[in-house]
């Protein structure tokens, strides 16, 4: 599957319509950040051209899982730092984790 950085940026923006990203007061333009990420992911995808379909899917799933985990950790840290209670969905997710321990 080949996708250009511009197509990926369009997909990012489509997803953001339903789940906007809070860029807060970062000293970078949102468009520049999207472009940076899209370019990087397209480079990663191109580097996987020689991978089998299964290996490519596993690599992309591992990258996605790491990013979701990192996002969750940063989100919880920010909530704690500002004394803001977690959303019901985030709290439910963490409750599942606590039950496993």
N, C-alpha and C. Protein backbone atom coordinates (compact mmCIF):
# COMPACT_ATOMS: atom_id res chain seq x y z
N UNK A 1 0.85 -1.18 0.00
CA UNK A 1 0.00 0.00 0.00
C UNK A 1 0.89 1.24 0.00
N UNK A 2 0.64 2.13 -0.91
CA UNK A 2 1.39 3.37 -0.98
C UNK A 2 0.47 4.53 -0.69
N UNK A 3 0.93 5.42 0.17
CA UNK A 3 0.17 6.62 0.50
C UNK A 3 1.16 7.78 0.57
N UNK A 4 0.73 8.92 0.10
CA UNK A 4 1.59 10.09 0.16
C UNK A 4 1.41 10.79 1.50
N UNK A 5 2.36 11.62 1.83
CA UNK A 5 2.26 12.38 3.08
C UNK A 5 1.01 13.27 3.06
N UNK A 6 0.70 13.85 1.91
CA UNK A 6 -0.48 14.71 1.81
C UNK A 6 -1.77 13.92 2.04
N UNK A 7 -1.84 12.70 1.50
CA UNK A 7 -3.01 11.86 1.74
C UNK A 7 -3.13 11.49 3.22
N UNK A 8 -2.00 11.21 3.83
CA UNK A 8 -2.00 10.86 5.25
C UNK A 8 -2.43 12.06 6.10
N UNK A 9 -1.96 13.24 5.74
CA UNK A 9 -2.38 14.46 6.46
C UNK A 9 -3.89 14.62 6.36
N UNK A 10 -4.45 14.38 5.19
CA UNK A 10 -5.90 14.48 5.01
C UNK A 10 -6.63 13.47 5.90
N UNK A 11 -6.08 12.26 6.02
CA UNK A 11 -6.68 11.25 6.90
C UNK A 11 -6.59 11.67 8.37
N UNK A 12 -5.45 12.23 8.76
CA UNK A 12 -5.29 12.72 10.13
C UNK A 12 -6.36 13.77 10.44
N UNK A 13 -6.53 14.70 9.52
CA UNK A 13 -7.52 15.76 9.72
C UNK A 13 -8.94 15.21 9.78
N UNK A 14 -9.21 14.18 9.01
CA UNK A 14 -10.53 13.54 9.04
C UNK A 14 -10.78 12.91 10.41
N UNK A 15 -9.80 12.22 10.94
CA UNK A 15 -9.92 11.61 12.27
C UNK A 15 -10.07 12.69 13.33
N UNK A 16 -9.36 13.79 13.17
CA UNK A 16 -9.42 14.88 14.14
C UNK A 16 -10.80 15.54 14.21
N UNK A 17 -11.58 15.41 13.15
CA UNK A 17 -12.93 15.99 13.21
C UNK A 17 -13.76 15.33 14.32
N UNK A 18 -13.55 14.04 14.51
CA UNK A 18 -14.27 13.30 15.54
C UNK A 18 -13.54 13.32 16.89
N UNK A 19 -12.22 13.41 16.84
CA UNK A 19 -11.40 13.34 18.06
C UNK A 19 -10.28 14.37 17.96
N UNK A 20 -10.61 15.66 18.21
CA UNK A 20 -9.62 16.72 18.02
C UNK A 20 -8.42 16.58 18.97
N UNK A 21 -7.29 17.04 18.48
CA UNK A 21 -6.07 17.05 19.28
C UNK A 21 -5.94 18.43 19.92
N UNK A 22 -5.64 18.45 21.20
CA UNK A 22 -5.42 19.70 21.92
C UNK A 22 -3.94 20.05 21.80
N UNK A 23 -3.61 20.95 20.90
CA UNK A 23 -2.22 21.36 20.70
C UNK A 23 -1.78 22.36 21.76
N UNK A 24 -2.74 22.82 22.57
CA UNK A 24 -2.48 23.75 23.67
C UNK A 24 -1.64 24.92 23.18
N UNK A 25 -0.59 25.20 23.91
CA UNK A 25 0.24 26.35 23.56
C UNK A 25 1.62 25.92 23.06
N UNK A 26 1.66 24.82 22.33
CA UNK A 26 2.93 24.38 21.78
C UNK A 26 3.50 25.44 20.84
N UNK A 27 4.80 25.61 20.85
CA UNK A 27 5.41 26.65 20.01
C UNK A 27 5.62 26.20 18.56
N UNK A 28 4.72 25.35 18.05
CA UNK A 28 4.81 24.86 16.68
C UNK A 28 3.44 24.97 16.04
N UNK A 29 3.43 25.16 14.73
CA UNK A 29 2.16 25.21 14.01
C UNK A 29 1.60 23.80 13.85
N UNK A 30 0.29 23.67 14.00
CA UNK A 30 -0.37 22.37 13.87
C UNK A 30 -0.07 21.73 12.52
N UNK A 31 -0.12 22.52 11.46
CA UNK A 31 0.13 22.00 10.12
C UNK A 31 1.54 21.45 10.00
N UNK A 32 2.51 22.14 10.59
CA UNK A 32 3.90 21.69 10.54
C UNK A 32 4.06 20.37 11.31
N UNK A 33 3.37 20.24 12.43
CA UNK A 33 3.45 18.99 13.20
C UNK A 33 2.82 17.83 12.44
N UNK A 34 1.67 18.05 11.83
CA UNK A 34 1.04 17.00 11.03
C UNK A 34 1.95 16.58 9.88
N UNK A 35 2.55 17.55 9.23
CA UNK A 35 3.45 17.26 8.11
C UNK A 35 4.66 16.46 8.57
N UNK A 36 5.23 16.85 9.69
CA UNK A 36 6.39 16.13 10.24
C UNK A 36 6.04 14.67 10.51
N UNK A 37 4.90 14.45 11.14
CA UNK A 37 4.47 13.09 11.47
C UNK A 37 4.16 12.29 10.20
N UNK A 38 3.44 12.89 9.27
CA UNK A 38 3.08 12.20 8.04
C UNK A 38 4.33 11.83 7.24
N UNK A 39 5.26 12.75 7.14
CA UNK A 39 6.51 12.46 6.42
C UNK A 39 7.26 11.31 7.08
N UNK A 40 7.35 11.34 8.40
CA UNK A 40 8.06 10.29 9.13
C UNK A 40 7.40 8.92 8.93
N UNK A 41 6.07 8.89 9.03
CA UNK A 41 5.37 7.61 8.86
C UNK A 41 5.48 7.08 7.43
N UNK A 42 5.47 7.97 6.45
CA UNK A 42 5.64 7.53 5.07
C UNK A 42 7.06 6.98 4.86
N UNK A 43 8.04 7.58 5.50
CA UNK A 43 9.41 7.06 5.42
C UNK A 43 9.50 5.68 6.08
N UNK A 44 8.82 5.52 7.23
CA UNK A 44 8.81 4.21 7.90
C UNK A 44 8.16 3.17 7.01
N UNK A 45 7.04 3.52 6.39
CA UNK A 45 6.33 2.58 5.51
C UNK A 45 7.20 2.19 4.33
N UNK A 46 7.91 3.15 3.76
CA UNK A 46 8.79 2.85 2.62
C UNK A 46 9.92 1.92 3.04
N UNK A 47 10.41 2.08 4.26
CA UNK A 47 11.48 1.21 4.76
C UNK A 47 10.99 -0.22 4.96
N UNK A 48 9.68 -0.41 5.03
CA UNK A 48 9.11 -1.74 5.23
C UNK A 48 8.69 -2.40 3.92
N UNK A 49 9.06 -1.81 2.80
CA UNK A 49 8.68 -2.37 1.49
C UNK A 49 9.14 -3.81 1.32
N UNK A 50 10.27 -4.15 1.91
CA UNK A 50 10.79 -5.51 1.74
C UNK A 50 10.21 -6.50 2.76
N UNK A 51 9.41 -6.01 3.69
CA UNK A 51 8.79 -6.86 4.71
C UNK A 51 7.67 -7.69 4.07
N UNK A 52 7.42 -8.84 4.63
CA UNK A 52 6.23 -9.59 4.24
C UNK A 52 5.01 -8.84 4.78
N UNK A 53 3.83 -9.15 4.25
CA UNK A 53 2.61 -8.50 4.74
C UNK A 53 2.44 -8.71 6.24
N UNK A 54 2.70 -9.93 6.69
CA UNK A 54 2.55 -10.24 8.12
C UNK A 54 3.53 -9.43 8.96
N UNK A 55 4.80 -9.37 8.54
CA UNK A 55 5.80 -8.61 9.30
C UNK A 55 5.49 -7.12 9.30
N UNK A 56 5.00 -6.60 8.17
CA UNK A 56 4.63 -5.18 8.09
C UNK A 56 3.47 -4.89 9.04
N UNK A 57 2.46 -5.76 9.05
CA UNK A 57 1.33 -5.57 9.96
C UNK A 57 1.76 -5.63 11.41
N UNK A 58 2.64 -6.58 11.74
CA UNK A 58 3.14 -6.68 13.11
C UNK A 58 3.93 -5.44 13.51
N UNK A 59 4.77 -4.95 12.62
CA UNK A 59 5.56 -3.75 12.91
C UNK A 59 4.66 -2.54 13.12
N UNK A 60 3.67 -2.37 12.25
CA UNK A 60 2.76 -1.24 12.38
C UNK A 60 1.90 -1.35 13.63
N UNK A 61 1.49 -2.55 13.97
CA UNK A 61 0.72 -2.76 15.19
C UNK A 61 1.57 -2.44 16.42
N UNK A 62 2.83 -2.83 16.41
CA UNK A 62 3.73 -2.54 17.53
C UNK A 62 3.93 -1.03 17.68
N UNK A 63 4.10 -0.33 16.57
CA UNK A 63 4.26 1.13 16.61
C UNK A 63 2.99 1.78 17.16
N UNK A 64 1.84 1.35 16.66
CA UNK A 64 0.56 1.91 17.12
C UNK A 64 0.36 1.64 18.61
N UNK A 65 0.66 0.43 19.07
CA UNK A 65 0.49 0.09 20.48
C UNK A 65 1.38 0.94 21.36
N UNK A 66 2.62 1.16 20.93
CA UNK A 66 3.55 1.99 21.70
C UNK A 66 3.04 3.42 21.79
N UNK A 67 2.52 3.95 20.68
CA UNK A 67 2.02 5.32 20.68
C UNK A 67 0.77 5.47 21.54
N UNK A 68 -0.13 4.49 21.50
CA UNK A 68 -1.33 4.55 22.33
C UNK A 68 -0.95 4.48 23.81
N UNK A 69 0.00 3.61 24.14
CA UNK A 69 0.47 3.51 25.52
C UNK A 69 1.09 4.82 25.97
N UNK A 70 1.96 5.38 25.14
CA UNK A 70 2.61 6.65 25.48
C UNK A 70 1.58 7.75 25.66
N UNK A 71 0.57 7.80 24.80
CA UNK A 71 -0.48 8.80 24.90
C UNK A 71 -1.28 8.63 26.19
N UNK A 72 -1.58 7.38 26.55
CA UNK A 72 -2.31 7.12 27.79
C UNK A 72 -1.51 7.59 29.00
N UNK A 73 -0.24 7.25 29.03
CA UNK A 73 0.62 7.65 30.16
C UNK A 73 0.69 9.18 30.27
N UNK A 74 0.91 9.85 29.15
CA UNK A 74 0.99 11.32 29.17
C UNK A 74 -0.33 11.94 29.59
N UNK A 75 -1.44 11.37 29.12
CA UNK A 75 -2.76 11.88 29.48
C UNK A 75 -3.01 11.76 30.99
N UNK A 76 -2.71 10.60 31.55
CA UNK A 76 -2.91 10.39 32.98
C UNK A 76 -1.99 11.32 33.78
N UNK A 77 -0.76 11.48 33.34
CA UNK A 77 0.17 12.38 34.03
C UNK A 77 -0.36 13.82 34.04
N UNK A 78 -0.86 14.27 32.89
CA UNK A 78 -1.41 15.63 32.82
C UNK A 78 -2.62 15.80 33.72
N UNK A 79 -3.50 14.82 33.72
CA UNK A 79 -4.68 14.90 34.58
C UNK A 79 -4.28 14.98 36.05
N UNK A 80 -3.34 14.15 36.45
CA UNK A 80 -2.87 14.16 37.84
C UNK A 80 -2.21 15.48 38.18
N UNK A 81 -1.38 15.98 37.27
CA UNK A 81 -0.65 17.22 37.49
C UNK A 81 -1.61 18.38 37.71
N UNK A 82 -2.74 18.37 37.01
CA UNK A 82 -3.70 19.47 37.11
C UNK A 82 -4.88 19.15 38.02
N UNK A 83 -4.84 17.99 38.67
CA UNK A 83 -5.91 17.63 39.59
C UNK A 83 -7.25 17.45 38.92
N UNK A 84 -7.25 17.01 37.68
CA UNK A 84 -8.49 16.82 36.92
C UNK A 84 -8.86 15.35 36.97
N UNK A 85 -10.12 15.03 37.28
CA UNK A 85 -10.52 13.62 37.30
C UNK A 85 -10.51 13.04 35.89
N UNK A 86 -10.26 11.75 35.82
CA UNK A 86 -10.24 11.06 34.53
C UNK A 86 -11.64 10.89 33.99
N UNK A 87 -11.74 10.77 32.67
CA UNK A 87 -13.02 10.49 32.04
C UNK A 87 -13.46 9.09 32.44
N UNK A 88 -14.73 8.81 32.27
CA UNK A 88 -15.25 7.48 32.61
C UNK A 88 -14.55 6.38 31.83
N UNK A 89 -14.29 6.63 30.54
CA UNK A 89 -13.67 5.60 29.72
C UNK A 89 -12.22 5.34 30.14
N UNK A 90 -11.47 6.39 30.46
CA UNK A 90 -10.09 6.20 30.91
C UNK A 90 -10.06 5.52 32.28
N UNK A 91 -10.98 5.92 33.15
CA UNK A 91 -11.05 5.31 34.47
C UNK A 91 -11.41 3.84 34.37
N UNK A 92 -12.35 3.50 33.50
CA UNK A 92 -12.75 2.10 33.31
C UNK A 92 -11.58 1.27 32.80
N UNK A 93 -10.80 1.83 31.89
CA UNK A 93 -9.64 1.14 31.36
C UNK A 93 -8.62 0.86 32.47
N UNK A 94 -8.37 1.85 33.30
CA UNK A 94 -7.41 1.67 34.39
C UNK A 94 -7.95 0.73 35.47
N UNK A 95 -9.26 0.72 35.67
CA UNK A 95 -9.86 -0.23 36.62
C UNK A 95 -9.62 -1.66 36.16
N UNK A 96 -9.73 -1.90 34.85
CA UNK A 96 -9.45 -3.24 34.31
C UNK A 96 -8.02 -3.64 34.62
N UNK A 97 -7.11 -2.69 34.52
CA UNK A 97 -5.71 -2.96 34.80
C UNK A 97 -5.51 -3.30 36.28
N UNK A 98 -6.17 -2.55 37.15
CA UNK A 98 -6.03 -2.78 38.59
C UNK A 98 -6.56 -4.17 38.97
N UNK A 99 -7.62 -4.61 38.33
CA UNK A 99 -8.20 -5.93 38.63
C UNK A 99 -7.26 -7.06 38.25
N UNK A 100 -6.40 -6.81 37.25
CA UNK A 100 -5.47 -7.84 36.80
C UNK A 100 -4.29 -8.01 37.74
N UNK A 101 -4.02 -7.00 38.53
CA UNK A 101 -2.83 -7.04 39.42
C UNK A 101 -3.05 -7.92 40.62
